[in-house]
Amino acid sequence: MTAPTLYHHFGSADGLLSAAIKEAFAQFLESKRTATQSFDPVMALREGWDDYVRFAAARPRL
């Protein structure tokens, strides 16, 4: 991608970073919506943490 293309679509490097972060959070929230949830609060906390770690491990550059 050339710099003019970046500025055309995102306005600046900060705009690109902001768009990437928004997309990452959208993906993360979608993974939380589709995850099965336990009725046991302790198990739900563990599952939530495991989901977060799996998401982060799959995207180390985020």
C-alpha atoms as a PDB file:
ATOM      1  CA  MET A   1       0.000   0.000   0.000  1.00  0.00           C
ATOM      2  CA  THR A   2       1.333   3.418  -0.842  1.00  0.00           C
ATOM      3  CA  ALA A   3       1.216   6.397   1.517  1.00  0.00           C
ATOM      4  CA  PRO A   4      -1.338   8.299  -0.614  1.00  0.00           C
ATOM      5  CA  THR A   5      -3.668   5.278  -0.479  1.00  0.00           C
ATOM      6  CA  LEU A   6      -3.301   5.108   3.296  1.00  0.00           C
ATOM      7  CA  TYR A   7      -4.103   8.796   3.689  1.00  0.00           C
ATOM      8  CA  HIS A   8      -7.009   8.561   1.245  1.00  0.00           C
ATOM      9  CA  HIS A   9      -8.714   5.759   3.173  1.00  0.00           C
ATOM     10  CA  PHE A  10      -7.681   6.488   6.765  1.00  0.00           C
ATOM     11  CA  GLY A  11      -6.563  10.127   6.851  1.00  0.00           C
ATOM     12  CA  SER A  12      -3.332   9.337   8.709  1.00  0.00           C
ATOM     13  CA  ALA A  13      -1.307   6.580  10.306  1.00  0.00           C
ATOM     14  CA  ASP A  14      -3.308   7.177  13.499  1.00  0.00           C
ATOM     15  CA  GLY A  15      -6.496   6.694  11.487  1.00  0.00           C
ATOM     16  CA  LEU A  16      -5.205   3.356  10.237  1.00  0.00           C
ATOM     17  CA  LEU A  17      -4.272   2.303  13.768  1.00  0.00           C
ATOM     18  CA  SER A  18      -7.699   3.356  15.042  1.00  0.00           C
ATOM     19  CA  ALA A  19      -9.425   1.347  12.299  1.00  0.00           C
ATOM     20  CA  ALA A  20      -7.299  -1.711  13.109  1.00  0.00           C
ATOM     21  CA  ILE A  21      -8.124  -1.459  16.816  1.00  0.00           C
ATOM     22  CA  LYS A  22     -11.851  -1.061  16.102  1.00  0.00           C
ATOM     23  CA  GLU A  23     -11.785  -4.126  13.862  1.00  0.00           C
ATOM     24  CA  ALA A  24      -9.881  -6.169  16.464  1.00  0.00           C
ATOM     25  CA  PHE A  25     -12.369  -5.255  19.191  1.00  0.00           C
ATOM     26  CA  ALA A  26     -15.280  -6.056  16.872  1.00  0.00           C
ATOM     27  CA  GLN A  27     -13.785  -9.501  16.253  1.00  0.00           C
ATOM     28  CA  PHE A  28     -13.181 -10.007  19.969  1.00  0.00           C
ATOM     29  CA  LEU A  29     -16.722  -8.988  20.909  1.00  0.00           C
ATOM     30  CA  GLU A  30     -18.163 -11.260  18.229  1.00  0.00           C
ATOM     31  CA  SER A  31     -16.153 -14.166  19.627  1.00  0.00           C
ATOM     32  CA  LYS A  32     -17.584 -13.372  23.074  1.00  0.00           C
ATOM     33  CA  ARG A  33     -21.150 -13.274  21.699  1.00  0.00           C
ATOM     34  CA  THR A  34     -20.814 -16.683  20.074  1.00  0.00           C
ATOM     35  CA  ALA A  35     -19.050 -18.366  23.000  1.00  0.00           C
ATOM     36  CA  THR A  36     -21.009 -20.723  25.204  1.00  0.00           C
ATOM     37  CA  GLN A  37     -21.402 -19.420  28.714  1.00  0.00           C
ATOM     38  CA  SER A  38     -21.388 -21.476  31.862  1.00  0.00           C
ATOM     39  CA  PHE A  39     -23.950 -20.866  34.582  1.00  0.00           C
ATOM     40  CA  ASP A  40     -21.227 -21.381  37.192  1.00  0.00           C
ATOM     41  CA  PRO A  41     -19.659 -17.933  37.800  1.00  0.00           C
ATOM     42  CA  VAL A  42     -16.179 -19.323  38.468  1.00  0.00           C
ATOM     43  CA  MET A  43     -16.271 -21.471  35.332  1.00  0.00           C
ATOM     44  CA  ALA A  44     -17.635 -18.519  33.319  1.00  0.00           C
ATOM     45  CA  LEU A  45     -14.713 -16.377  34.497  1.00  0.00           C
ATOM     46  CA  ARG A  46     -12.220 -19.095  33.550  1.00  0.00           C
ATOM     47  CA  GLU A  47     -13.848 -19.605  30.143  1.00  0.00           C
ATOM     48  CA  GLY A  48     -13.853 -15.851  29.531  1.00  0.00           C
ATOM     49  CA  TRP A  49     -10.167 -15.622  30.391  1.00  0.00           C
ATOM     50  CA  ASP A  50      -9.351 -18.623  28.191  1.00  0.00           C
ATOM     51  CA  ASP A  51     -11.270 -17.009  25.299  1.00  0.00           C
ATOM     52  CA  TYR A  52      -9.292 -13.794  25.757  1.00  0.00           C
ATOM     53  CA  VAL A  53      -5.962 -15.618  25.852  1.00  0.00           C
ATOM     54  CA  ARG A  54      -6.847 -17.653  22.734  1.00  0.00           C
ATOM     55  CA  PHE A  55      -7.868 -14.482  20.887  1.00  0.00           C
ATOM     56  CA  ALA A  56      -4.696 -12.630  21.911  1.00  0.00           C
ATOM     57  CA  ALA A  57      -2.424 -15.593  21.135  1.00  0.00           C
ATOM     58  CA  ALA A  58      -3.889 -15.835  17.634  1.00  0.00           C
ATOM     59  CA  ARG A  59      -3.148 -12.122  17.088  1.00  0.00           C
ATOM     60  CA  PRO A  60       0.208 -11.441  18.766  1.00  0.00           C
ATOM     61  CA  ARG A  61       0.830  -8.235  16.828  1.00  0.00           C
ATOM     62  CA  LEU A  62      -2.269  -6.581  18.277  1.00  0.00           C
END
